[in-house]
C-alpha atoms as a PDB file:
ATOM      1  CA  MET A   1      87.241 116.826 123.792  1.00  0.00           C
ATOM      2  CA  ALA A   2      88.586 119.562 121.532  1.00  0.00           C
ATOM      3  CA  LYS A   3      86.828 120.132 118.209  1.00  0.00           C
ATOM      4  CA  HIS A   4      89.946 119.257 116.170  1.00  0.00           C
ATOM      5  CA  ASN A   5      90.288 115.945 118.056  1.00  0.00           C
ATOM      6  CA  ILE A   6      86.679 115.046 117.293  1.00  0.00           C
ATOM      7  CA  LEU A   7      87.272 115.897 113.626  1.00  0.00           C
ATOM      8  CA  GLY A   8      90.393 113.720 113.626  1.00  0.00           C
ATOM      9  CA  GLN A   9      88.504 110.776 115.133  1.00  0.00           C
ATOM     10  CA  LYS A  10      85.743 111.107 112.542  1.00  0.00           C
ATOM     11  CA  GLY A  11      88.412 111.238 109.855  1.00  0.00           C
ATOM     12  CA  GLU A  12      90.038 108.032 111.095  1.00  0.00           C
ATOM     13  CA  GLU A  13      86.638 106.313 111.200  1.00  0.00           C
ATOM     14  CA  ALA A  14      85.956 107.351 107.594  1.00  0.00           C
ATOM     15  CA  ALA A  15      89.453 106.207 106.595  1.00  0.00           C
ATOM     16  CA  CYS A  16      88.888 102.766 108.151  1.00  0.00           C
ATOM     17  CA  GLU A  17      85.523 102.450 106.421  1.00  0.00           C
ATOM     18  CA  THR A  18      87.160 103.325 103.098  1.00  0.00           C
ATOM     19  CA  LEU A  19      89.893 100.722 103.590  1.00  0.00           C
ATOM     20  CA  LEU A  20      87.395  98.028 104.617  1.00  0.00           C
ATOM     21  CA  ARG A  21      85.268  98.710 101.511  1.00  0.00           C
ATOM     22  CA  LYS A  22      88.414  98.239  99.407  1.00  0.00           C
ATOM     23  CA  GLY A  23      89.099  94.839 100.973  1.00  0.00           C
ATOM     24  CA  TYR A  24      91.802  95.820 103.470  1.00  0.00           C
ATOM     25  CA  ILE A  25      92.025  94.186 106.882  1.00  0.00           C
ATOM     26  CA  ILE A  26      92.478  96.649 109.751  1.00  0.00           C
ATOM     27  CA  ARG A  27      95.172  95.288 112.064  1.00  0.00           C
ATOM     28  CA  ASP A  28      95.627  98.220 114.437  1.00  0.00           C
ATOM     29  CA  ARG A  29      94.688 101.828 115.051  1.00  0.00           C
ATOM     30  CA  ASN A  30      96.851 104.434 116.765  1.00  0.00           C
ATOM     31  CA  TRP A  31      99.671 101.946 117.307  1.00  0.00           C
ATOM     32  CA  ARG A  32     102.614 103.445 119.188  1.00  0.00           C
ATOM     33  CA  SER A  33     106.300 102.704 119.395  1.00  0.00           C
ATOM     34  CA  GLY A  34     107.962 105.239 121.658  1.00  0.00           C
ATOM     35  CA  LYS A  35     107.149 108.678 120.266  1.00  0.00           C
ATOM     36  CA  ASN A  36     106.197 107.275 116.872  1.00  0.00           C
ATOM     37  CA  GLU A  37     102.561 106.518 116.048  1.00  0.00           C
ATOM     38  CA  ILE A  38     100.779 104.863 113.154  1.00  0.00           C
ATOM     39  CA  ASP A  39      97.212 106.069 112.568  1.00  0.00           C
ATOM     40  CA  ILE A  40      96.094 102.830 110.897  1.00  0.00           C
ATOM     41  CA  VAL A  41      97.894  99.572 110.211  1.00  0.00           C
ATOM     42  CA  ALA A  42      96.143  97.535 107.543  1.00  0.00           C
ATOM     43  CA  GLU A  43      96.898  94.463 105.480  1.00  0.00           C
ATOM     44  CA  LYS A  44      96.128  93.605 101.886  1.00  0.00           C
ATOM     45  CA  ASP A  45      97.668  91.358  99.233  1.00  0.00           C
ATOM     46  CA  GLY A  46     100.362  90.132 101.632  1.00  0.00           C
ATOM     47  CA  ARG A  47     101.564  93.646 102.467  1.00  0.00           C
ATOM     48  CA  ILE A  48     101.434  95.582 105.706  1.00  0.00           C
ATOM     49  CA  ILE A  49     100.030  99.027 104.949  1.00  0.00           C
ATOM     50  CA  VAL A  50     100.949 101.939 107.196  1.00  0.00           C
ATOM     51  CA  VAL A  51      98.301 104.623 106.730  1.00  0.00           C
ATOM     52  CA  GLU A  52      98.692 108.270 107.709  1.00  0.00           C
ATOM     53  CA  VAL A  53      95.312 110.001 107.966  1.00  0.00           C
ATOM     54  CA  LYS A  54      95.041 113.739 107.372  1.00  0.00           C
ATOM     55  CA  THR A  55      91.719 115.482 107.919  1.00  0.00           C
ATOM     56  CA  ARG A  56      91.386 119.099 106.857  1.00  0.00           C
ATOM     57  CA  THR A  57      88.619 121.662 106.683  1.00  0.00           C
ATOM     58  CA  GLY A  58      90.437 124.292 104.618  1.00  0.00           C
ATOM     59  CA  GLU A  59      91.802 124.230 101.102  1.00  0.00           C
ATOM     60  CA  ILE A  60      94.710 121.897 100.434  1.00  0.00           C
ATOM     61  CA  ASP A  61      97.044 123.380  97.860  1.00  0.00           C
ATOM     62  CA  ASP A  62     100.030 121.083  98.237  1.00  0.00           C
ATOM     63  CA  ILE A  63      99.737 117.627  99.777  1.00  0.00           C
ATOM     64  CA  SER A  64     103.504 117.454 100.282  1.00  0.00           C
ATOM     65  CA  GLN A  65     103.180 120.240 102.867  1.00  0.00           C
ATOM     66  CA  LEU A  66     100.946 118.080 105.069  1.00  0.00           C
ATOM     67  CA  ILE A  67     103.674 115.613 106.014  1.00  0.00           C
ATOM     68  CA  PRO A  68     107.089 117.179 106.613  1.00  0.00           C
ATOM     69  CA  PRO A  69     110.303 115.110 106.365  1.00  0.00           C
ATOM     70  CA  ALA A  70     110.554 114.648 110.146  1.00  0.00           C
ATOM     71  CA  LYS A  71     107.035 113.160 110.220  1.00  0.00           C
ATOM     72  CA  ILE A  72     107.943 110.849 107.338  1.00  0.00           C
ATOM     73  CA  ARG A  73     110.923 109.570 109.360  1.00  0.00           C
ATOM     74  CA  HIS A  74     108.625 108.890 112.324  1.00  0.00           C
ATOM     75  CA  ILE A  75     106.114 107.040 110.129  1.00  0.00           C
ATOM     76  CA  VAL A  76     108.825 104.918 108.497  1.00  0.00           C
ATOM     77  CA  ASN A  77     110.460 104.126 111.851  1.00  0.00           C
ATOM     78  CA  ALA A  78     107.101 103.176 113.336  1.00  0.00           C
ATOM     79  CA  GLY A  79     106.448 100.861 110.379  1.00  0.00           C
ATOM     80  CA  LYS A  80     109.772  99.132 110.886  1.00  0.00           C
ATOM     81  CA  ALA A  81     109.093  98.843 114.618  1.00  0.00           C
ATOM     82  CA  TYR A  82     105.679  97.328 113.903  1.00  0.00           C
ATOM     83  CA  LEU A  83     107.193  94.590 111.739  1.00  0.00           C
ATOM     84  CA  LYS A  84     109.848  93.853 114.329  1.00  0.00           C
ATOM     85  CA  TYR A  85     107.427  93.873 117.290  1.00  0.00           C
ATOM     86  CA  PHE A  86     105.102  91.345 115.660  1.00  0.00           C
ATOM     87  CA  GLY A  87     107.863  89.339 113.955  1.00  0.00           C
ATOM     88  CA  LEU A  88     106.449  90.047 110.491  1.00  0.00           C
ATOM     89  CA  THR A  89     108.361  89.741 107.251  1.00  0.00           C
ATOM     90  CA  GLN A  90     105.868  91.273 104.823  1.00  0.00           C
ATOM     91  CA  GLU A  91     106.698  94.229 102.658  1.00  0.00           C
ATOM     92  CA  LEU A  92     105.661  97.616 104.018  1.00  0.00           C
ATOM     93  CA  GLN A  93     103.625 100.095 102.026  1.00  0.00           C
ATOM     94  CA  PHE A  94     103.013 103.669 103.174  1.00  0.00           C
ATOM     95  CA  ASP A  95      99.691 105.266 102.191  1.00  0.00           C
ATOM     96  CA  ILE A  96      97.952 108.536 102.953  1.00  0.00           C
ATOM     97  CA  ILE A  97      94.231 108.986 103.315  1.00  0.00           C
ATOM     98  CA  LEU A  98      93.299 112.598 102.865  1.00  0.00           C
ATOM     99  CA  LEU A  99      89.888 113.695 104.097  1.00  0.00           C
ATOM    100  CA  HIS A 100      88.507 117.086 103.216  1.00  0.00           C
ATOM    101  CA  VAL A 101      85.548 118.349 105.223  1.00  0.00           C
ATOM    102  CA  GLU A 102      83.489 121.198 103.821  1.00  0.00           C
ATOM    103  CA  LYS A 103      80.255 122.005 105.647  1.00  0.00           C
ATOM    104  CA  GLU A 104      78.467 118.633 105.833  1.00  0.00           C
ATOM    105  CA  ASN A 105      80.373 117.057 102.918  1.00  0.00           C
ATOM    106  CA  LEU A 106      83.297 114.709 103.363  1.00  0.00           C
ATOM    107  CA  SER A 107      85.542 113.680 100.499  1.00  0.00           C
ATOM    108  CA  VAL A 108      88.069 110.874 100.872  1.00  0.00           C
ATOM    109  CA  GLU A 109      91.194 110.428  98.777  1.00  0.00           C
ATOM    110  CA  HIS A 110      93.298 107.292  99.259  1.00  0.00           C
ATOM    111  CA  ILE A 111      96.824 107.759  97.950  1.00  0.00           C
ATOM    112  CA  GLU A 112      98.601 104.404  97.766  1.00  0.00           C
ATOM    113  CA  ASP A 113     102.411 104.232  98.005  1.00  0.00           C
ATOM    114  CA  ALA A 114     102.358 107.933  98.868  1.00  0.00           C
ATOM    115  CA  ILE A 115     105.491 107.836 100.998  1.00  0.00           C
ATOM    116  CA  MET A 116     108.668 106.359  99.635  1.00  0.00           C
ATOM    117  CA  PRO A 117     111.063 105.447 102.465  1.00  0.00           C
ATOM    118  CA  PRO A 118     114.615 106.773 102.160  1.00  0.00           C
ATOM    119  CA  MET A 119     117.260 104.357 100.916  1.00  0.00           C
ATOM    120  CA  TYR A 120     118.674 103.735 104.422  1.00  0.00           C
ATOM    121  CA  PHE A 121     115.342 102.082 105.250  1.00  0.00           C
ATOM    122  CA  TYR A 122     116.313  99.023 103.238  1.00  0.00           C
ATOM    123  CA  ARG A 123     119.627  98.388 105.000  1.00  0.00           C
END
């Protein structure tokens, strides 16, 4: 397996551990709907939480550069598809877990409500 894939898997493991420590329930990992994928689907306080995990080894100057608008559309569409597929009516929340790896150190930043769906999402 490629080194970046191994790093990504370790990042998702650390993200799940972080969510579990915070009292989230992990519903799914790497859930797919067509070409759209959700890294982690969690649940807490009656909400379905769609979590995008980003693992980086270099400096991160601007978090907004990590998830371009096209990726946001895919994440939002996957979240809607998840609700529909499972017949759920809960509110969706879109979070980002940012992992920064430097040598042997790993820092985890959980950004809640990091992605605000466009207005057409609510129609």
